[in-house]
Protein backbone atom coordinates (compact mmCIF):
# COMPACT_ATOMS: atom_id res chain seq x y z
CA MET A 1 91.51 -6.68 -11.62
CA ALA A 2 94.60 -8.45 -9.90
CA ASN A 3 96.53 -10.80 -12.13
CA PRO A 4 96.96 -13.98 -9.68
CA THR A 5 100.36 -14.96 -12.01
CA ASN A 6 101.95 -11.84 -10.95
CA PRO A 7 102.85 -11.00 -7.29
CA ASP A 8 103.09 -7.27 -7.68
CA SER A 9 99.74 -7.04 -8.54
CA LYS A 10 98.43 -9.11 -5.07
CA THR A 11 100.97 -7.10 -3.23
CA ALA A 12 99.44 -3.55 -4.88
CA SER A 13 96.09 -4.95 -4.04
CA ARG A 14 96.78 -5.69 -0.69
CA ASP A 15 98.47 -2.56 0.20
CA GLY A 16 95.21 -0.47 -1.27
CA LEU A 17 92.96 -2.56 0.70
CA VAL A 18 95.13 -1.58 3.94
CA VAL A 19 95.04 1.85 3.20
CA ALA A 20 91.55 2.11 2.32
CA ALA A 21 90.78 0.47 5.97
CA LEU A 22 93.27 2.72 7.67
CA GLY A 23 91.50 5.71 6.42
CA GLY A 24 88.10 4.39 7.55
CA LEU A 25 89.62 3.77 10.82
CA ILE A 26 90.95 7.46 10.93
CA ALA A 27 87.76 8.86 9.82
CA ALA A 28 85.58 6.78 12.40
CA THR A 29 87.82 7.87 14.97
CA VAL A 30 87.55 11.61 14.17
CA LEU A 31 83.88 11.42 13.73
CA LEU A 32 83.46 9.64 17.58
CA GLY A 33 85.84 12.09 19.02
CA ALA A 34 84.07 14.73 17.69
CA LEU A 35 80.42 13.31 18.93
CA LEU A 36 81.03 12.02 22.10
CA PRO A 37 80.83 14.01 25.23
CA GLY A 38 83.92 15.24 26.96
CA HIS A 39 85.27 16.50 23.58
CA PRO A 40 87.34 19.77 24.51
CA ALA A 41 84.74 22.11 22.27
CA GLN A 42 81.87 20.05 24.73
CA GLY A 43 84.22 19.63 27.61
CA PRO A 44 83.54 21.09 31.23
CA ALA A 45 83.10 24.66 31.05
CA SER A 46 85.11 25.39 34.23
CA ALA A 47 88.46 24.86 32.13
CA ALA A 48 87.21 27.16 29.32
CA GLU A 49 85.90 29.83 31.46
CA PRO A 50 87.77 32.19 33.50
CA SER A 51 87.51 32.30 37.18
CA GLY A 52 85.45 35.45 38.42
CA ASP A 53 89.08 36.86 39.00
CA VAL A 54 89.18 39.59 36.06
CA ALA A 55 92.74 40.02 36.95
CA CYS A 56 93.80 36.93 36.02
CA LEU A 57 94.89 36.56 32.34
CA GLU A 58 95.76 33.40 32.09
CA TRP A 59 95.20 29.78 33.93
CA SER A 60 95.23 26.22 33.68
CA ASP A 61 93.88 22.90 35.34
CA GLY A 62 97.05 21.08 34.60
CA CYS A 63 95.75 20.03 31.23
CA ARG A 64 94.73 22.65 29.41
CA VAL A 65 96.44 26.57 29.52
CA CYS A 66 93.84 29.04 28.91
CA GLN A 67 94.19 33.15 28.06
CA ARG A 68 92.05 35.79 28.32
CA LEU A 69 91.74 37.36 25.03
CA PRO A 70 89.92 40.52 23.68
CA GLU A 71 87.67 37.79 21.67
CA GLY A 72 86.96 35.88 24.87
CA PRO A 73 88.86 32.72 26.50
CA ALA A 74 91.03 30.66 24.23
CA CYS A 75 92.44 27.42 25.59
CA SER A 76 94.87 24.87 24.37
CA LEU A 77 94.03 21.38 23.89
CA PRO A 78 94.44 18.45 26.57
CA GLY A 79 96.89 15.78 26.34
CA ILE A 80 95.69 12.48 25.56
CA ALA A 81 96.30 10.91 29.18
CA CYS A 82 95.80 14.17 31.21
CA THR A 83 93.94 14.23 34.55
CA PRO A 84 92.52 17.70 35.49
CA GLU A 85 93.16 19.31 38.46
CA ALA A 86 91.91 22.40 40.29
CA LEU A 87 92.21 25.54 38.26
CA ARG A 88 94.94 27.89 39.31
CA CYS A 89 95.93 31.40 37.72
CA LEU A 90 99.28 31.52 35.91
CA ARG A 91 99.79 35.29 35.13
CA ARG A 92 97.98 38.12 36.27
CA ALA A 93 97.34 41.65 34.87
CA GLY A 94 100.24 44.02 35.76
CA GLY A 95 102.40 41.68 36.91
């Protein structure tokens, strides 16, 4: 329990409350980001899927860069304020 005559005790109690509130805010933000539509793992398939051109090994929509790997496509995460553009091939096989 905080000692009302000790100012350090009040500061420590307040700091603990701020840390707990920030932790809760961060947890809520991460949870909402994972559950709301448009999350990168659930986003539009066009950015995560390679085009029909199997010679294209790396492509981008201006926000994410994807590569064709033996395990399947792998994409980077988009920037926070990115506006996707049309998909374009960045690197082709043999070139």
